């Protein structure tokens, strides 16, 4: 079926135990700071009605997902330059996802296709308040089978920011590929951005999740966590306590730690200052992708202004922009379909500013 995908050129890379396939994409924005996102790309199946269990759902709508891929699309939609590195199945869903990245001007030359494992699937239930519950199909899925030898090292070396989560740390060989990619990016001068994106059902145990997530904590320049993740990672401490955050989660080489608080906005911590930026009020429909939209807004700003960490006013402006990115995303179903454009974010910011006068 792969020969029927319009606009995708297949490259067979010789070597290793299996043929590995990449696709080329010349649509990435040139001469802009590049954000490279590493990790999982999958299909979310979302009930067509809210507030029901998986068993009660009358039908499901398929939507592209996977936190790192969402961030890559989010950056591109905001006018930035982004790329994705990861693996999908050599199947209909895998090529559909590759094409979606290309349609969204994300450089997908770092993608690989696995002939023995399928593209990951996740069934996502939407409760009445827009919050989610997950059921994953990964036994194993293709994203878990990315090998270090399959990395597009030239692409990774071009990253101004290299962004990743923790799901790619759960299983080998992807864990080793993840660590190698981080090392390549760091040596090339990239800023490392980490969103743990805790998904406990995917880990062997809570202890394994905590240990795995924290194993790369001290290497990151930028970290975004949620309140629930703070409670989990600190063993139950108060996520609103600045002392907890600074003593247990802030590390010496960290440039920025951001704590997202959903509709309430976010908190920020640097070596020089800390504070809070409120969100904007919207009616939530589906919170899928809200955190990823926030990250894409923040990373897009940081990619073009790496000194943001040193100027609290500019950082606060960037975080308000990121808050609006997240807020707009929850007003529609699905992650990638609802990621906002820069125009939409600026319009919402203008309305927000006008309402405060």
C-alpha atoms as a PDB file:
ATOM      1  CA  UNK A   1       0.000   0.000   0.000  1.00  0.00           C
ATOM      2  CA  UNK A   2       2.890   2.326   0.649  1.00  0.00           C
ATOM      3  CA  UNK A   3       3.377   3.068  -3.020  1.00  0.00           C
ATOM      4  CA  UNK A   4      -0.016   4.758  -3.077  1.00  0.00           C
ATOM      5  CA  UNK A   5       0.899   7.476  -0.588  1.00  0.00           C
ATOM      6  CA  UNK A   6       1.079  10.726  -2.484  1.00  0.00           C
ATOM      7  CA  UNK A   7       4.102  12.924  -1.977  1.00  0.00           C
ATOM      8  CA  UNK A   8       6.174  10.467   0.037  1.00  0.00           C
ATOM      9  CA  UNK A   9       9.467   9.203  -1.276  1.00  0.00           C
ATOM     10  CA  UNK A  10      10.640   5.963   0.320  1.00  0.00           C
ATOM     11  CA  UNK A  11      14.315   5.405   1.098  1.00  0.00           C
ATOM     12  CA  UNK A  12      15.565   1.922   1.950  1.00  0.00           C
ATOM     13  CA  UNK A  13      18.561   2.107   4.239  1.00  0.00           C
ATOM     14  CA  UNK A  14      20.860  -0.843   3.796  1.00  0.00           C
ATOM     15  CA  UNK A  15      22.271  -2.587   6.840  1.00  0.00           C
ATOM     16  CA  UNK A  16      21.104  -4.253  10.025  1.00  0.00           C
ATOM     17  CA  UNK A  17      18.817  -7.193  10.429  1.00  0.00           C
ATOM     18  CA  UNK A  18      15.880  -5.609   8.638  1.00  0.00           C
ATOM     19  CA  UNK A  19      15.158  -3.123   5.889  1.00  0.00           C
ATOM     20  CA  UNK A  20      14.533   0.242   7.430  1.00  0.00           C
ATOM     21  CA  UNK A  21      12.450   2.811   5.668  1.00  0.00           C
ATOM     22  CA  UNK A  22      12.537   6.565   5.933  1.00  0.00           C
ATOM     23  CA  UNK A  23      10.587   9.233   4.128  1.00  0.00           C
ATOM     24  CA  UNK A  24      11.889  12.529   2.913  1.00  0.00           C
ATOM     25  CA  UNK A  25      10.155  15.822   3.315  1.00  0.00           C
ATOM     26  CA  UNK A  26      11.447  19.107   1.984  1.00  0.00           C
ATOM     27  CA  UNK A  27       8.757  21.238   3.571  1.00  0.00           C
ATOM     28  CA  UNK A  28      10.534  22.238   6.782  1.00  0.00           C
ATOM     29  CA  UNK A  29      10.928  25.972   7.100  1.00  0.00           C
ATOM     30  CA  UNK A  30      14.424  26.953   6.041  1.00  0.00           C
ATOM     31  CA  UNK A  31      16.724  29.270   7.963  1.00  0.00           C
ATOM     32  CA  UNK A  32      14.609  29.093  11.109  1.00  0.00           C
ATOM     33  CA  UNK A  33      15.750  27.608  14.424  1.00  0.00           C
ATOM     34  CA  UNK A  34      14.776  23.932  14.322  1.00  0.00           C
ATOM     35  CA  UNK A  35      12.848  22.102  17.056  1.00  0.00           C
ATOM     36  CA  UNK A  36      13.393  18.335  16.764  1.00  0.00           C
ATOM     37  CA  UNK A  37      10.903  16.140  18.653  1.00  0.00           C
ATOM     38  CA  UNK A  38      11.742  12.540  19.541  1.00  0.00           C
ATOM     39  CA  UNK A  39       9.412   9.732  20.597  1.00  0.00           C
ATOM     40  CA  UNK A  40       6.030   8.206  19.891  1.00  0.00           C
ATOM     41  CA  UNK A  41       3.565   8.846  17.094  1.00  0.00           C
ATOM     42  CA  UNK A  42       0.299   6.927  17.271  1.00  0.00           C
ATOM     43  CA  UNK A  43      -3.419   6.841  16.568  1.00  0.00           C
ATOM     44  CA  UNK A  44      -5.833   8.011  19.251  1.00  0.00           C
ATOM     45  CA  UNK A  45      -9.352   6.613  19.063  1.00  0.00           C
ATOM     46  CA  UNK A  46     -11.670   9.093  20.755  1.00  0.00           C
ATOM     47  CA  UNK A  47     -15.382   8.434  21.502  1.00  0.00           C
ATOM     48  CA  UNK A  48     -17.707  10.500  19.351  1.00  0.00           C
ATOM     49  CA  UNK A  49     -19.615  11.482  22.503  1.00  0.00           C
ATOM     50  CA  UNK A  50     -18.209  12.702  25.790  1.00  0.00           C
ATOM     51  CA  UNK A  51     -18.737  11.471  29.315  1.00  0.00           C
ATOM     52  CA  UNK A  52     -18.909   7.734  28.551  1.00  0.00           C
ATOM     53  CA  UNK A  53     -16.686   4.721  29.207  1.00  0.00           C
ATOM     54  CA  UNK A  54     -14.963   2.853  26.403  1.00  0.00           C
ATOM     55  CA  UNK A  55     -17.571   0.114  26.630  1.00  0.00           C
ATOM     56  CA  UNK A  56     -20.425   2.615  26.389  1.00  0.00           C
ATOM     57  CA  UNK A  57     -19.009   4.605  23.462  1.00  0.00           C
ATOM     58  CA  UNK A  58     -21.205   4.165  20.366  1.00  0.00           C
ATOM     59  CA  UNK A  59     -18.354   4.979  17.960  1.00  0.00           C
ATOM     60  CA  UNK A  60     -14.803   6.294  17.838  1.00  0.00           C
ATOM     61  CA  UNK A  61     -13.059   8.922  15.756  1.00  0.00           C
ATOM     62  CA  UNK A  62      -9.427   8.267  14.878  1.00  0.00           C
ATOM     63  CA  UNK A  63      -6.977  11.117  15.396  1.00  0.00           C
ATOM     64  CA  UNK A  64      -3.197  11.344  15.107  1.00  0.00           C
ATOM     65  CA  UNK A  65      -1.471  11.577  18.472  1.00  0.00           C
ATOM     66  CA  UNK A  66       1.671  11.027  20.485  1.00  0.00           C
ATOM     67  CA  UNK A  67       2.996  13.877  22.622  1.00  0.00           C
ATOM     68  CA  UNK A  68       6.315  14.550  20.808  1.00  0.00           C
ATOM     69  CA  UNK A  69       4.605  14.473  17.405  1.00  0.00           C
ATOM     70  CA  UNK A  70       1.896  16.815  18.692  1.00  0.00           C
ATOM     71  CA  UNK A  71       4.589  19.276  19.767  1.00  0.00           C
ATOM     72  CA  UNK A  72       6.269  19.087  16.358  1.00  0.00           C
ATOM     73  CA  UNK A  73       3.003  19.894  14.586  1.00  0.00           C
ATOM     74  CA  UNK A  74       2.234  22.603  17.137  1.00  0.00           C
ATOM     75  CA  UNK A  75       5.546  24.372  16.487  1.00  0.00           C
ATOM     76  CA  UNK A  76       5.026  24.204  12.735  1.00  0.00           C
ATOM     77  CA  UNK A  77       1.459  25.479  12.968  1.00  0.00           C
ATOM     78  CA  UNK A  78       2.738  28.479  14.922  1.00  0.00           C
ATOM     79  CA  UNK A  79       5.089  29.313  12.059  1.00  0.00           C
ATOM     80  CA  UNK A  80       8.210  27.636  13.403  1.00  0.00           C
ATOM     81  CA  UNK A  81      10.439  24.924  11.959  1.00  0.00           C
ATOM     82  CA  UNK A  82      10.133  21.416  13.379  1.00  0.00           C
ATOM     83  CA  UNK A  83      11.063  17.803  12.748  1.00  0.00           C
ATOM     84  CA  UNK A  84      10.027  14.448  14.186  1.00  0.00           C
ATOM     85  CA  UNK A  85      12.204  11.424  14.954  1.00  0.00           C
ATOM     86  CA  UNK A  86      10.495   8.132  15.753  1.00  0.00           C
ATOM     87  CA  UNK A  87       9.106   4.869  14.410  1.00  0.00           C
ATOM     88  CA  UNK A  88       5.719   3.669  13.222  1.00  0.00           C
ATOM     89  CA  UNK A  89       4.506   0.443  11.665  1.00  0.00           C
ATOM     90  CA  UNK A  90       4.901  -0.322   7.974  1.00  0.00           C
ATOM     91  CA  UNK A  91       1.106  -0.214   7.790  1.00  0.00           C
ATOM     92  CA  UNK A  92      -1.781   1.987   6.725  1.00  0.00           C
ATOM     93  CA  UNK A  93      -1.791   3.945   9.972  1.00  0.00           C
ATOM     94  CA  UNK A  94       1.982   4.487   9.888  1.00  0.00           C
ATOM     95  CA  UNK A  95       1.923   6.010   6.422  1.00  0.00           C
ATOM     96  CA  UNK A  96      -1.171   8.029   7.260  1.00  0.00           C
ATOM     97  CA  UNK A  97       0.709   9.560  10.198  1.00  0.00           C
ATOM     98  CA  UNK A  98       3.774  10.251   8.068  1.00  0.00           C
ATOM     99  CA  UNK A  99       1.604  12.034   5.556  1.00  0.00           C
ATOM    100  CA  UNK A 100      -0.122  14.086   8.270  1.00  0.00           C
ATOM    101  CA  UNK A 101       3.267  15.322   9.491  1.00  0.00           C
ATOM    102  CA  UNK A 102       4.208  16.267   5.950  1.00  0.00           C
ATOM    103  CA  UNK A 103       0.902  18.077   5.400  1.00  0.00           C
ATOM    104  CA  UNK A 104       1.679  20.078   8.540  1.00  0.00           C
ATOM    105  CA  UNK A 105       5.161  21.031   7.279  1.00  0.00           C
ATOM    106  CA  UNK A 106       6.974  18.868   9.824  1.00  0.00           C
ATOM    107  CA  UNK A 107      10.246  17.390   8.554  1.00  0.00           C
ATOM    108  CA  UNK A 108       9.617  13.639   8.779  1.00  0.00           C
ATOM    109  CA  UNK A 109      12.965  12.438   7.422  1.00  0.00           C
ATOM    110  CA  UNK A 110      13.711  11.054  10.897  1.00  0.00           C
ATOM    111  CA  UNK A 111      10.802   8.590  10.721  1.00  0.00           C
ATOM    112  CA  UNK A 112      11.335   4.858  10.331  1.00  0.00           C
ATOM    113  CA  UNK A 113       8.873   2.068   9.519  1.00  0.00           C
ATOM    114  CA  UNK A 114       8.851  -1.328  11.213  1.00  0.00           C
ATOM    115  CA  UNK A 115       7.711  -4.389   9.261  1.00  0.00           C
ATOM    116  CA  UNK A 116       7.137  -6.629  12.266  1.00  0.00           C
ATOM    117  CA  UNK A 117       5.319  -4.337  14.717  1.00  0.00           C
ATOM    118  CA  UNK A 118       2.217  -2.234  14.229  1.00  0.00           C
ATOM    119  CA  UNK A 119       1.697   1.470  14.743  1.00  0.00           C
ATOM    120  CA  UNK A 120       0.666   2.130  18.345  1.00  0.00           C
ATOM    121  CA  UNK A 121      -3.018   2.670  19.150  1.00  0.00           C
ATOM    122  CA  UNK A 122      -4.600   4.366  22.154  1.00  0.00           C
ATOM    123  CA  UNK A 123      -8.289   4.461  23.037  1.00  0.00           C
ATOM    124  CA  UNK A 124      -8.991   7.651  24.949  1.00  0.00           C
ATOM    125  CA  UNK A 125     -12.181   8.151  26.953  1.00  0.00           C
ATOM    126  CA  UNK A 126     -13.407  11.678  27.508  1.00  0.00           C
ATOM    127  CA  UNK A 127     -15.139  12.217  30.828  1.00  0.00           C
ATOM    128  CA  UNK A 128     -17.755  14.905  31.373  1.00  0.00           C
ATOM    129  CA  UNK A 129     -15.133  17.449  32.453  1.00  0.00           C
ATOM    130  CA  UNK A 130     -12.994  16.828  29.357  1.00  0.00           C
ATOM    131  CA  UNK A 131     -10.357  14.834  31.266  1.00  0.00           C
ATOM    132  CA  UNK A 132      -9.076  11.582  29.815  1.00  0.00           C
ATOM    133  CA  UNK A 133      -8.593   7.907  30.547  1.00  0.00           C
ATOM    134  CA  UNK A 134      -6.375   5.727  28.363  1.00  0.00           C
ATOM    135  CA  UNK A 135      -6.236   2.163  27.043  1.00  0.00           C
ATOM    136  CA  UNK A 136      -3.081   1.413  25.040  1.00  0.00           C
ATOM    137  CA  UNK A 137      -2.318  -1.263  22.439  1.00  0.00           C
ATOM    138  CA  UNK A 138       1.484  -1.686  22.419  1.00  0.00           C
ATOM    139  CA  UNK A 139       2.614  -5.338  22.583  1.00  0.00           C
ATOM    140  CA  UNK A 140       5.054  -4.204  21.277  1.00  0.00           C
ATOM    141  CA  UNK A 141       4.276  -1.273  19.020  1.00  0.00           C
ATOM    142  CA  UNK A 142       6.641   0.046  16.363  1.00  0.00           C
ATOM    143  CA  UNK A 143       7.704   3.131  18.350  1.00  0.00           C
ATOM    144  CA  UNK A 144       9.260   0.833  20.975  1.00  0.00           C
ATOM    145  CA  UNK A 145      11.459  -0.802  18.333  1.00  0.00           C
ATOM    146  CA  UNK A 146      13.489   2.198  17.149  1.00  0.00           C
ATOM    147  CA  UNK A 147      17.192   1.272  17.153  1.00  0.00           C
ATOM    148  CA  UNK A 148      20.107   3.633  17.713  1.00  0.00           C
ATOM    149  CA  UNK A 149      21.433   2.657  14.273  1.00  0.00           C
ATOM    150  CA  UNK A 150      18.237   4.038  12.706  1.00  0.00           C
ATOM    151  CA  UNK A 151      18.645   7.571  14.048  1.00  0.00           C
ATOM    152  CA  UNK A 152      18.919  10.405  11.538  1.00  0.00           C
ATOM    153  CA  UNK A 153      21.955  11.907  13.238  1.00  0.00           C
ATOM    154  CA  UNK A 154      22.339  14.756  10.753  1.00  0.00           C
ATOM    155  CA  UNK A 155      18.805  15.917  11.491  1.00  0.00           C
ATOM    156  CA  UNK A 156      19.325  15.706  15.261  1.00  0.00           C
ATOM    157  CA  UNK A 157      22.553  17.717  15.012  1.00  0.00           C
ATOM    158  CA  UNK A 158      20.604  20.569  13.386  1.00  0.00           C
ATOM    159  CA  UNK A 159      18.296  20.966  16.385  1.00  0.00           C
ATOM    160  CA  UNK A 160      18.253  24.264  18.202  1.00  0.00           C
ATOM    161  CA  UNK A 161      15.965  22.527  20.707  1.00  0.00           C
ATOM    162  CA  UNK A 162      15.702  18.749  21.117  1.00  0.00           C
ATOM    163  CA  UNK A 163      12.424  17.753  22.783  1.00  0.00           C
ATOM    164  CA  UNK A 164      11.356  14.383  24.222  1.00  0.00           C
ATOM    165  CA  UNK A 165       9.164  12.615  26.755  1.00  0.00           C
ATOM    166  CA  UNK A 166       9.564   9.551  28.961  1.00  0.00           C
ATOM    167  CA  UNK A 167       7.503   6.909  27.146  1.00  0.00           C
ATOM    168  CA  UNK A 168      10.467   6.201  24.864  1.00  0.00           C
ATOM    169  CA  UNK A 169      12.476   5.239  27.981  1.00  0.00           C
ATOM    170  CA  UNK A 170      10.230   2.311  28.936  1.00  0.00           C
ATOM    171  CA  UNK A 171      11.540  -0.436  26.624  1.00  0.00           C
ATOM    172  CA  UNK A 172      14.655  -1.365  24.700  1.00  0.00           C
ATOM    173  CA  UNK A 173      15.809  -0.802  22.006  1.00  0.00           C
ATOM    174  CA  UNK A 174      14.037   2.580  21.990  1.00  0.00           C
ATOM    175  CA  UNK A 175      15.516   3.551  25.372  1.00  0.00           C
ATOM    176  CA  UNK A 176      19.076   3.284  24.045  1.00  0.00           C
ATOM    177  CA  UNK A 177      18.093   5.169  20.893  1.00  0.00           C
ATOM    178  CA  UNK A 178      16.587   7.920  23.062  1.00  0.00           C
ATOM    179  CA  UNK A 179      19.719   8.269  25.198  1.00  0.00           C
ATOM    180  CA  UNK A 180      21.952   8.292  22.112  1.00  0.00           C
ATOM    181  CA  UNK A 181      19.812  10.972  20.441  1.00  0.00           C
ATOM    182  CA  UNK A 182      19.985  13.154  23.573  1.00  0.00           C
ATOM    183  CA  UNK A 183      23.758  12.796  23.592  1.00  0.00           C
ATOM    184  CA  UNK A 184      24.059  13.728  19.917  1.00  0.00           C
ATOM    185  CA  UNK A 185      21.854  16.792  20.431  1.00  0.00           C
ATOM    186  CA  UNK A 186      23.706  17.920  23.552  1.00  0.00           C
ATOM    187  CA  UNK A 187      27.114  17.616  21.890  1.00  0.00           C
ATOM    188  CA  UNK A 188      25.794  19.634  18.948  1.00  0.00           C
ATOM    189  CA  UNK A 189      24.796  22.516  21.223  1.00  0.00           C
ATOM    190  CA  UNK A 190      21.042  21.872  21.367  1.00  0.00           C
ATOM    191  CA  UNK A 191      18.921  22.834  24.346  1.00  0.00           C
ATOM    192  CA  UNK A 192      17.263  19.725  25.778  1.00  0.00           C
ATOM    193  CA  UNK A 193      13.540  19.981  26.532  1.00  0.00           C
ATOM    194  CA  UNK A 194      11.740  17.338  28.619  1.00  0.00           C
ATOM    195  CA  UNK A 195       8.045  16.746  29.195  1.00  0.00           C
ATOM    196  CA  UNK A 196       7.790  13.546  31.286  1.00  0.00           C
ATOM    197  CA  UNK A 197       4.190  12.997  30.128  1.00  0.00           C
ATOM    198  CA  UNK A 198       3.503  10.367  32.787  1.00  0.00           C
ATOM    199  CA  UNK A 199       1.420   7.421  31.540  1.00  0.00           C
ATOM    200  CA  UNK A 200       1.516   4.945  34.414  1.00  0.00           C
ATOM    201  CA  UNK A 201      -0.331   2.085  32.593  1.00  0.00           C
ATOM    202  CA  UNK A 202       2.602   1.812  30.168  1.00  0.00           C
ATOM    203  CA  UNK A 203       5.251   1.253  32.860  1.00  0.00           C
ATOM    204  CA  UNK A 204       5.894  -2.071  34.630  1.00  0.00           C
ATOM    205  CA  UNK A 205       5.290  -0.404  38.010  1.00  0.00           C
ATOM    206  CA  UNK A 206       5.033   3.062  39.600  1.00  0.00           C
ATOM    207  CA  UNK A 207       8.547   2.580  40.982  1.00  0.00           C
ATOM    208  CA  UNK A 208       9.895   1.840  37.500  1.00  0.00           C
ATOM    209  CA  UNK A 209       8.129   4.930  36.156  1.00  0.00           C
ATOM    210  CA  UNK A 210       9.574   7.193  38.845  1.00  0.00           C
ATOM    211  CA  UNK A 211      13.078   5.798  38.392  1.00  0.00           C
ATOM    212  CA  UNK A 212      12.898   5.929  34.589  1.00  0.00           C
ATOM    213  CA  UNK A 213      11.562   9.479  34.446  1.00  0.00           C
ATOM    214  CA  UNK A 214      14.157  10.773  36.911  1.00  0.00           C
ATOM    215  CA  UNK A 215      17.042   8.913  35.226  1.00  0.00           C
ATOM    216  CA  UNK A 216      17.481  11.702  32.656  1.00  0.00           C
ATOM    217  CA  UNK A 217      16.129  14.586  34.752  1.00  0.00           C
ATOM    218  CA  UNK A 218      19.473  16.271  35.409  1.00  0.00           C
ATOM    219  CA  UNK A 219      20.420  16.402  31.715  1.00  0.00           C
ATOM    220  CA  UNK A 220      17.569  18.662  30.623  1.00  0.00           C
ATOM    221  CA  UNK A 221      17.716  22.434  30.142  1.00  0.00           C
ATOM    222  CA  UNK A 222      13.931  22.900  30.063  1.00  0.00           C
ATOM    223  CA  UNK A 223      11.389  20.777  31.945  1.00  0.00           C
ATOM    224  CA  UNK A 224       7.610  21.013  31.890  1.00  0.00           C
ATOM    225  CA  UNK A 225       5.640  19.079  34.520  1.00  0.00           C
ATOM    226  CA  UNK A 226       2.038  18.984  35.683  1.00  0.00           C
ATOM    227  CA  UNK A 227       0.851  19.212  39.276  1.00  0.00           C
ATOM    228  CA  UNK A 228      -0.016  15.491  39.323  1.00  0.00           C
ATOM    229  CA  UNK A 229       3.449  14.613  38.053  1.00  0.00           C
ATOM    230  CA  UNK A 230       5.077  16.616  40.856  1.00  0.00           C
ATOM    231  CA  UNK A 231       3.053  14.714  43.453  1.00  0.00           C
ATOM    232  CA  UNK A 232       4.029  11.410  41.836  1.00  0.00           C
ATOM    233  CA  UNK A 233       7.719  12.184  41.358  1.00  0.00           C
ATOM    234  CA  UNK A 234       8.199  13.560  44.879  1.00  0.00           C
ATOM    235  CA  UNK A 235       6.376  10.694  46.570  1.00  0.00           C
ATOM    236  CA  UNK A 236       3.270  12.654  47.521  1.00  0.00           C
ATOM    237  CA  UNK A 237       4.572  16.134  48.337  1.00  0.00           C
ATOM    238  CA  UNK A 238       2.495  19.288  47.862  1.00  0.00           C
ATOM    239  CA  UNK A 239       2.809  20.318  44.184  1.00  0.00           C
ATOM    240  CA  UNK A 240       2.045  23.955  45.113  1.00  0.00           C
ATOM    241  CA  UNK A 241       4.972  24.260  47.525  1.00  0.00           C
ATOM    242  CA  UNK A 242       7.799  26.225  45.915  1.00  0.00           C
ATOM    243  CA  UNK A 243      10.293  24.670  48.331  1.00  0.00           C
ATOM    244  CA  UNK A 244       9.326  21.180  47.172  1.00  0.00           C
ATOM    245  CA  UNK A 245       9.776  22.161  43.539  1.00  0.00           C
ATOM    246  CA  UNK A 246      13.114  23.894  44.068  1.00  0.00           C
ATOM    247  CA  UNK A 247      14.639  21.302  46.401  1.00  0.00           C
ATOM    248  CA  UNK A 248      13.428  18.113  44.740  1.00  0.00           C
ATOM    249  CA  UNK A 249      12.984  18.963  41.052  1.00  0.00           C
ATOM    250  CA  UNK A 250      15.144  21.973  40.175  1.00  0.00           C
ATOM    251  CA  UNK A 251      18.705  20.940  39.320  1.00  0.00           C
ATOM    252  CA  UNK A 252      21.884  23.038  38.914  1.00  0.00           C
ATOM    253  CA  UNK A 253      22.051  23.064  35.112  1.00  0.00           C
ATOM    254  CA  UNK A 254      18.317  23.638  34.591  1.00  0.00           C
ATOM    255  CA  UNK A 255      17.424  26.865  32.790  1.00  0.00           C
ATOM    256  CA  UNK A 256      13.648  26.709  33.189  1.00  0.00           C
ATOM    257  CA  UNK A 257      11.149  24.538  35.061  1.00  0.00           C
ATOM    258  CA  UNK A 258       7.478  25.108  34.240  1.00  0.00           C
ATOM    259  CA  UNK A 259       4.566  23.653  36.194  1.00  0.00           C
ATOM    260  CA  UNK A 260       1.303  23.610  34.244  1.00  0.00           C
ATOM    261  CA  UNK A 261      -1.939  24.032  36.196  1.00  0.00           C
ATOM    262  CA  UNK A 262      -4.535  23.447  33.487  1.00  0.00           C
ATOM    263  CA  UNK A 263      -7.004  26.298  33.147  1.00  0.00           C
ATOM    264  CA  UNK A 264      -5.281  28.150  35.988  1.00  0.00           C
ATOM    265  CA  UNK A 265      -2.149  28.778  33.900  1.00  0.00           C
ATOM    266  CA  UNK A 266       1.393  27.890  34.909  1.00  0.00           C
ATOM    267  CA  UNK A 267       4.230  28.553  37.342  1.00  0.00           C
ATOM    268  CA  UNK A 268       7.829  29.115  36.298  1.00  0.00           C
ATOM    269  CA  UNK A 269      11.160  28.695  38.058  1.00  0.00           C
ATOM    270  CA  UNK A 270      14.625  29.812  36.946  1.00  0.00           C
ATOM    271  CA  UNK A 271      17.827  30.356  38.934  1.00  0.00           C
ATOM    272  CA  UNK A 272      17.063  34.082  39.122  1.00  0.00           C
ATOM    273  CA  UNK A 273      13.290  34.336  39.543  1.00  0.00           C
ATOM    274  CA  UNK A 274       9.995  32.506  39.864  1.00  0.00           C
ATOM    275  CA  UNK A 275       6.347  33.400  39.399  1.00  0.00           C
ATOM    276  CA  UNK A 276       2.971  32.480  37.997  1.00  0.00           C
ATOM    277  CA  UNK A 277       1.178  33.349  34.749  1.00  0.00           C
ATOM    278  CA  UNK A 278      -2.631  32.921  34.745  1.00  0.00           C
ATOM    279  CA  UNK A 279      -4.447  31.173  31.928  1.00  0.00           C
ATOM    280  CA  UNK A 280      -7.468  32.314  29.956  1.00  0.00           C
ATOM    281  CA  UNK A 281     -10.932  30.865  30.497  1.00  0.00           C
ATOM    282  CA  UNK A 282     -12.453  28.618  27.840  1.00  0.00           C
ATOM    283  CA  UNK A 283     -15.120  25.903  27.773  1.00  0.00           C
ATOM    284  CA  UNK A 284     -13.262  22.559  27.685  1.00  0.00           C
ATOM    285  CA  UNK A 285     -14.359  19.937  25.197  1.00  0.00           C
ATOM    286  CA  UNK A 286     -11.299  17.660  25.129  1.00  0.00           C
ATOM    287  CA  UNK A 287      -8.064  18.227  27.050  1.00  0.00           C
ATOM    288  CA  UNK A 288      -6.097  15.898  24.756  1.00  0.00           C
ATOM    289  CA  UNK A 289      -3.015  17.716  23.508  1.00  0.00           C
ATOM    290  CA  UNK A 290      -3.375  20.774  25.750  1.00  0.00           C
ATOM    291  CA  UNK A 291      -0.017  20.216  27.425  1.00  0.00           C
ATOM    292  CA  UNK A 292       1.609  19.552  24.065  1.00  0.00           C
ATOM    293  CA  UNK A 293       0.145  22.757  22.645  1.00  0.00           C
ATOM    294  CA  UNK A 294       1.544  24.619  25.656  1.00  0.00           C
ATOM    295  CA  UNK A 295       4.988  23.092  25.069  1.00  0.00           C
ATOM    296  CA  UNK A 296       4.912  23.926  21.359  1.00  0.00           C
ATOM    297  CA  UNK A 297       4.061  27.544  22.156  1.00  0.00           C
ATOM    298  CA  UNK A 298       6.884  27.803  24.674  1.00  0.00           C
ATOM    299  CA  UNK A 299       9.487  26.040  22.518  1.00  0.00           C
ATOM    300  CA  UNK A 300       8.578  28.100  19.464  1.00  0.00           C
ATOM    301  CA  UNK A 301       9.286  31.248  21.473  1.00  0.00           C
ATOM    302  CA  UNK A 302      12.506  29.846  22.958  1.00  0.00           C
ATOM    303  CA  UNK A 303      13.800  28.682  19.581  1.00  0.00           C
ATOM    304  CA  UNK A 304      13.749  32.235  18.257  1.00  0.00           C
ATOM    305  CA  UNK A 305      14.822  33.892  21.534  1.00  0.00           C
ATOM    306  CA  UNK A 306      17.176  31.715  23.578  1.00  0.00           C
ATOM    307  CA  UNK A 307      17.737  34.550  26.096  1.00  0.00           C
ATOM    308  CA  UNK A 308      14.164  34.345  27.391  1.00  0.00           C
ATOM    309  CA  UNK A 309      15.407  32.695  30.565  1.00  0.00           C
ATOM    310  CA  UNK A 310      17.252  35.876  31.536  1.00  0.00           C
ATOM    311  CA  UNK A 311      14.387  38.359  31.059  1.00  0.00           C
ATOM    312  CA  UNK A 312      11.365  37.780  33.278  1.00  0.00           C
ATOM    313  CA  UNK A 313       9.074  40.106  31.303  1.00  0.00           C
ATOM    314  CA  UNK A 314       9.789  38.340  27.997  1.00  0.00           C
ATOM    315  CA  UNK A 315       9.504  34.949  29.665  1.00  0.00           C
ATOM    316  CA  UNK A 316       6.110  35.851  31.139  1.00  0.00           C
ATOM    317  CA  UNK A 317       4.909  36.990  27.704  1.00  0.00           C
ATOM    318  CA  UNK A 318       6.069  33.695  26.194  1.00  0.00           C
ATOM    319  CA  UNK A 319       4.328  31.707  28.923  1.00  0.00           C
ATOM    320  CA  UNK A 320       1.060  33.614  28.443  1.00  0.00           C
ATOM    321  CA  UNK A 321       1.319  32.819  24.728  1.00  0.00           C
ATOM    322  CA  UNK A 322       1.872  29.139  25.633  1.00  0.00           C
ATOM    323  CA  UNK A 323      -1.095  29.198  28.049  1.00  0.00           C
ATOM    324  CA  UNK A 324      -3.327  30.455  25.239  1.00  0.00           C
ATOM    325  CA  UNK A 325      -2.045  27.714  22.920  1.00  0.00           C
ATOM    326  CA  UNK A 326      -3.121  25.138  25.500  1.00  0.00           C
ATOM    327  CA  UNK A 327      -6.461  26.805  26.155  1.00  0.00           C
ATOM    328  CA  UNK A 328      -7.458  26.975  22.494  1.00  0.00           C
ATOM    329  CA  UNK A 329      -6.618  23.294  22.025  1.00  0.00           C
ATOM    330  CA  UNK A 330      -9.140  22.101  24.631  1.00  0.00           C
ATOM    331  CA  UNK A 331     -12.031  23.753  22.777  1.00  0.00           C
ATOM    332  CA  UNK A 332     -11.991  21.058  20.068  1.00  0.00           C
ATOM    333  CA  UNK A 333     -11.664  17.267  19.947  1.00  0.00           C
ATOM    334  CA  UNK A 334      -8.370  15.561  19.225  1.00  0.00           C
ATOM    335  CA  UNK A 335      -4.814  16.815  19.634  1.00  0.00           C
ATOM    336  CA  UNK A 336      -3.327  17.585  16.225  1.00  0.00           C
ATOM    337  CA  UNK A 337      -6.626  18.738  14.648  1.00  0.00           C
ATOM    338  CA  UNK A 338      -7.089  21.337  17.403  1.00  0.00           C
ATOM    339  CA  UNK A 339      -3.546  22.756  17.649  1.00  0.00           C
ATOM    340  CA  UNK A 340      -3.815  26.510  17.018  1.00  0.00           C
ATOM    341  CA  UNK A 341      -2.186  28.751  14.442  1.00  0.00           C
ATOM    342  CA  UNK A 342      -0.196  31.803  15.478  1.00  0.00           C
ATOM    343  CA  UNK A 343      -2.992  34.038  14.160  1.00  0.00           C
ATOM    344  CA  UNK A 344      -5.567  32.286  16.343  1.00  0.00           C
ATOM    345  CA  UNK A 345      -3.356  32.653  19.422  1.00  0.00           C
ATOM    346  CA  UNK A 346      -2.685  36.343  18.787  1.00  0.00           C
ATOM    347  CA  UNK A 347      -6.419  36.981  18.244  1.00  0.00           C
ATOM    348  CA  UNK A 348      -7.208  35.294  21.568  1.00  0.00           C
ATOM    349  CA  UNK A 349      -4.473  37.295  23.291  1.00  0.00           C
ATOM    350  CA  UNK A 350      -5.876  40.527  21.916  1.00  0.00           C
ATOM    351  CA  UNK A 351      -9.372  39.651  23.139  1.00  0.00           C
ATOM    352  CA  UNK A 352      -7.932  38.688  26.523  1.00  0.00           C
ATOM    353  CA  UNK A 353      -6.084  41.998  26.802  1.00  0.00           C
ATOM    354  CA  UNK A 354      -9.165  43.977  25.745  1.00  0.00           C
ATOM    355  CA  UNK A 355     -11.340  42.210  28.334  1.00  0.00           C
ATOM    356  CA  UNK A 356      -8.979  43.277  31.123  1.00  0.00           C
ATOM    357  CA  UNK A 357      -9.163  46.982  30.265  1.00  0.00           C
END
